[in-house]
Amino acid sequence: MAIGGINMVDAIIRYEEGNLSLQETIKMFSYLIKTGAAWKLQGSYGRTAHQMILDGLISPDGEVNWEKMEELND
């Protein structure tokens, strides 16, 4: 899986380094939620994914709420 032109391992590394844009981060977590990987990686990924779901940014099945994302950018 590629996120913003990078593969998932690279996306996770860039996320850990703080080098992903907000859009790339949301896409990465969307993929992690869709595949169930968010719940299998270290706890911070599951907690972050859960918070994104609670905040309405990503649905429980991993679909991004782009309208909510636009609200954040305003």
N, C-alpha and C. Protein backbone atom coordinates (compact mmCIF):
# COMPACT_ATOMS: atom_id res chain seq x y z
N MET A 1 0.84 -1.19 0.00
CA MET A 1 0.00 0.00 0.00
C MET A 1 0.87 1.23 0.00
N ALA A 2 0.57 2.17 -0.87
CA ALA A 2 1.31 3.43 -0.93
C ALA A 2 0.45 4.56 -0.39
N ILE A 3 1.05 5.42 0.38
CA ILE A 3 0.40 6.60 0.93
C ILE A 3 1.17 7.80 0.41
N GLY A 4 0.51 8.64 -0.37
CA GLY A 4 1.19 9.82 -0.89
C GLY A 4 2.47 9.50 -1.64
N GLY A 5 2.47 8.38 -2.36
CA GLY A 5 3.63 8.00 -3.15
C GLY A 5 4.71 7.25 -2.40
N ILE A 6 4.46 6.91 -1.12
CA ILE A 6 5.43 6.13 -0.35
C ILE A 6 4.76 4.86 0.14
N ASN A 7 5.55 3.82 0.41
CA ASN A 7 4.94 2.59 0.88
C ASN A 7 4.62 2.68 2.37
N MET A 8 3.88 1.74 2.90
CA MET A 8 3.40 1.80 4.27
C MET A 8 4.54 1.82 5.28
N VAL A 9 5.58 1.04 5.06
CA VAL A 9 6.71 1.05 5.99
C VAL A 9 7.34 2.43 6.03
N ASP A 10 7.54 3.02 4.86
CA ASP A 10 8.09 4.37 4.80
C ASP A 10 7.16 5.38 5.47
N ALA A 11 5.84 5.20 5.28
CA ALA A 11 4.86 6.10 5.90
C ALA A 11 4.95 6.01 7.41
N ILE A 12 5.07 4.81 7.94
CA ILE A 12 5.16 4.64 9.39
C ILE A 12 6.45 5.26 9.92
N ILE A 13 7.54 5.05 9.20
CA ILE A 13 8.81 5.66 9.62
C ILE A 13 8.69 7.18 9.62
N ARG A 14 8.15 7.73 8.55
CA ARG A 14 7.99 9.18 8.47
C ARG A 14 7.03 9.69 9.55
N TYR A 15 5.98 8.92 9.85
CA TYR A 15 5.05 9.29 10.93
C TYR A 15 5.80 9.33 12.26
N GLU A 16 6.59 8.30 12.52
CA GLU A 16 7.36 8.24 13.77
C GLU A 16 8.33 9.41 13.88
N GLU A 17 8.85 9.85 12.76
CA GLU A 17 9.79 10.97 12.74
C GLU A 17 9.09 12.33 12.74
N GLY A 18 7.75 12.32 12.60
CA GLY A 18 6.99 13.57 12.55
C GLY A 18 7.05 14.24 11.20
N ASN A 19 7.28 13.45 10.14
CA ASN A 19 7.45 14.00 8.81
C ASN A 19 6.32 13.70 7.83
N LEU A 20 5.14 13.34 8.33
CA LEU A 20 3.98 13.15 7.45
C LEU A 20 3.08 14.36 7.56
N SER A 21 2.50 14.76 6.44
CA SER A 21 1.50 15.83 6.48
C SER A 21 0.25 15.29 7.16
N LEU A 22 -0.65 16.18 7.54
CA LEU A 22 -1.90 15.76 8.16
C LEU A 22 -2.68 14.85 7.22
N GLN A 23 -2.75 15.21 5.95
CA GLN A 23 -3.47 14.38 4.98
C GLN A 23 -2.83 13.00 4.85
N GLU A 24 -1.52 12.92 4.79
CA GLU A 24 -0.84 11.63 4.71
C GLU A 24 -1.08 10.80 5.97
N THR A 25 -1.08 11.47 7.12
CA THR A 25 -1.32 10.78 8.39
C THR A 25 -2.72 10.20 8.42
N ILE A 26 -3.71 10.97 7.99
CA ILE A 26 -5.09 10.49 7.96
C ILE A 26 -5.21 9.31 7.00
N LYS A 27 -4.60 9.41 5.84
CA LYS A 27 -4.64 8.30 4.88
C LYS A 27 -3.98 7.06 5.45
N MET A 28 -2.86 7.24 6.14
CA MET A 28 -2.17 6.10 6.72
C MET A 28 -3.05 5.43 7.77
N PHE A 29 -3.64 6.22 8.66
CA PHE A 29 -4.50 5.63 9.69
C PHE A 29 -5.76 5.03 9.10
N SER A 30 -6.28 5.61 8.04
CA SER A 30 -7.42 5.02 7.35
C SER A 30 -7.08 3.60 6.89
N TYR A 31 -5.91 3.46 6.27
CA TYR A 31 -5.45 2.15 5.81
C TYR A 31 -5.24 1.20 6.99
N LEU A 32 -4.62 1.69 8.07
CA LEU A 32 -4.37 0.84 9.23
C LEU A 32 -5.68 0.36 9.85
N ILE A 33 -6.69 1.23 9.87
CA ILE A 33 -7.99 0.83 10.42
C ILE A 33 -8.67 -0.17 9.48
N LYS A 34 -8.67 0.12 8.17
CA LYS A 34 -9.30 -0.78 7.20
C LYS A 34 -8.73 -2.19 7.27
N THR A 35 -7.43 -2.28 7.44
CA THR A 35 -6.78 -3.60 7.44
C THR A 35 -6.73 -4.25 8.81
N GLY A 36 -7.07 -3.49 9.85
CA GLY A 36 -7.00 -4.00 11.21
C GLY A 36 -5.62 -3.89 11.83
N ALA A 37 -4.66 -3.40 11.06
CA ALA A 37 -3.29 -3.28 11.57
C ALA A 37 -3.18 -2.28 12.72
N ALA A 38 -4.07 -1.28 12.76
CA ALA A 38 -4.01 -0.28 13.83
C ALA A 38 -4.13 -0.93 15.20
N TRP A 39 -4.82 -2.04 15.27
CA TRP A 39 -5.08 -2.71 16.54
C TRP A 39 -4.00 -3.75 16.86
N LYS A 40 -3.09 -3.98 15.90
CA LYS A 40 -2.03 -4.97 16.10
C LYS A 40 -0.66 -4.34 16.32
N LEU A 41 -0.51 -3.08 15.94
CA LEU A 41 0.76 -2.38 16.15
C LEU A 41 0.84 -1.92 17.60
N GLN A 42 1.94 -1.28 17.97
CA GLN A 42 2.09 -0.81 19.33
C GLN A 42 0.88 0.06 19.72
N GLY A 43 0.64 0.13 21.00
CA GLY A 43 -0.57 0.74 21.54
C GLY A 43 -0.87 2.15 21.08
N SER A 44 0.14 2.96 20.83
CA SER A 44 -0.12 4.34 20.43
C SER A 44 -0.87 4.42 19.11
N TYR A 45 -0.65 3.45 18.22
CA TYR A 45 -1.36 3.45 16.95
C TYR A 45 -2.85 3.18 17.16
N GLY A 46 -3.16 2.21 17.98
CA GLY A 46 -4.56 1.92 18.27
C GLY A 46 -5.23 3.08 18.97
N ARG A 47 -4.54 3.71 19.92
CA ARG A 47 -5.12 4.85 20.63
C ARG A 47 -5.36 6.03 19.69
N THR A 48 -4.40 6.28 18.80
CA THR A 48 -4.55 7.37 17.84
C THR A 48 -5.68 7.08 16.87
N ALA A 49 -5.74 5.85 16.37
CA ALA A 49 -6.82 5.46 15.46
C ALA A 49 -8.17 5.60 16.15
N HIS A 50 -8.25 5.15 17.38
CA HIS A 50 -9.50 5.25 18.14
C HIS A 50 -9.91 6.72 18.31
N GLN A 51 -8.95 7.58 18.60
CA GLN A 51 -9.26 9.00 18.77
C GLN A 51 -9.72 9.62 17.45
N MET A 52 -9.11 9.22 16.34
CA MET A 52 -9.54 9.74 15.04
C MET A 52 -10.97 9.31 14.72
N ILE A 53 -11.32 8.10 15.14
CA ILE A 53 -12.70 7.63 14.96
C ILE A 53 -13.64 8.45 15.84
N LEU A 54 -13.27 8.64 17.11
CA LEU A 54 -14.11 9.43 18.02
C LEU A 54 -14.27 10.87 17.53
N ASP A 55 -13.22 11.42 16.95
CA ASP A 55 -13.26 12.79 16.45
C ASP A 55 -14.02 12.92 15.13
N GLY A 56 -14.41 11.78 14.54
CA GLY A 56 -15.17 11.80 13.30
C GLY A 56 -14.32 12.00 12.06
N LEU A 57 -13.01 11.87 12.18
CA LEU A 57 -12.13 12.03 11.02
C LEU A 57 -12.13 10.79 10.14
N ILE A 58 -12.25 9.63 10.77
CA ILE A 58 -12.26 8.35 10.07
C ILE A 58 -13.38 7.51 10.66
N SER A 59 -14.11 6.82 9.80
CA SER A 59 -15.19 5.95 10.28
C SER A 59 -14.59 4.66 10.87
N PRO A 60 -15.38 3.93 11.65
CA PRO A 60 -14.87 2.67 12.21
C PRO A 60 -14.42 1.66 11.16
N ASP A 61 -14.93 1.80 9.92
CA ASP A 61 -14.49 0.88 8.86
C ASP A 61 -13.35 1.46 8.02
N GLY A 62 -12.83 2.64 8.44
CA GLY A 62 -11.64 3.18 7.81
C GLY A 62 -11.86 4.21 6.73
N GLU A 63 -13.08 4.66 6.53
CA GLU A 63 -13.34 5.67 5.50
C GLU A 63 -13.07 7.06 6.06
N VAL A 64 -12.34 7.87 5.29
CA VAL A 64 -11.99 9.22 5.73
C VAL A 64 -13.19 10.14 5.54
N ASN A 65 -13.46 10.97 6.54
CA ASN A 65 -14.50 11.99 6.46
C ASN A 65 -13.82 13.27 5.97
N TRP A 66 -13.80 13.46 4.65
CA TRP A 66 -13.08 14.60 4.08
C TRP A 66 -13.73 15.92 4.43
N GLU A 67 -15.04 15.92 4.67
CA GLU A 67 -15.71 17.16 5.10
C GLU A 67 -15.17 17.60 6.45
N LYS A 68 -14.99 16.66 7.36
CA LYS A 68 -14.42 16.98 8.68
C LYS A 68 -12.99 17.47 8.52
N MET A 69 -12.25 16.88 7.60
CA MET A 69 -10.89 17.32 7.34
C MET A 69 -10.86 18.76 6.86
N GLU A 70 -11.81 19.12 6.00
CA GLU A 70 -11.89 20.50 5.50
C GLU A 70 -12.15 21.46 6.66
N GLU A 71 -12.97 21.05 7.62
CA GLU A 71 -13.25 21.90 8.79
C GLU A 71 -11.96 22.18 9.54
N LEU A 72 -11.07 21.20 9.65
CA LEU A 72 -9.80 21.38 10.34
C LEU A 72 -8.90 22.37 9.61
N ASN A 73 -9.01 22.38 8.30
CA ASN A 73 -8.15 23.25 7.49
C ASN A 73 -8.64 24.69 7.45
N ASP A 74 -9.87 24.92 7.87
CA ASP A 74 -10.43 26.29 7.85
C ASP A 74 -9.90 27.12 8.98
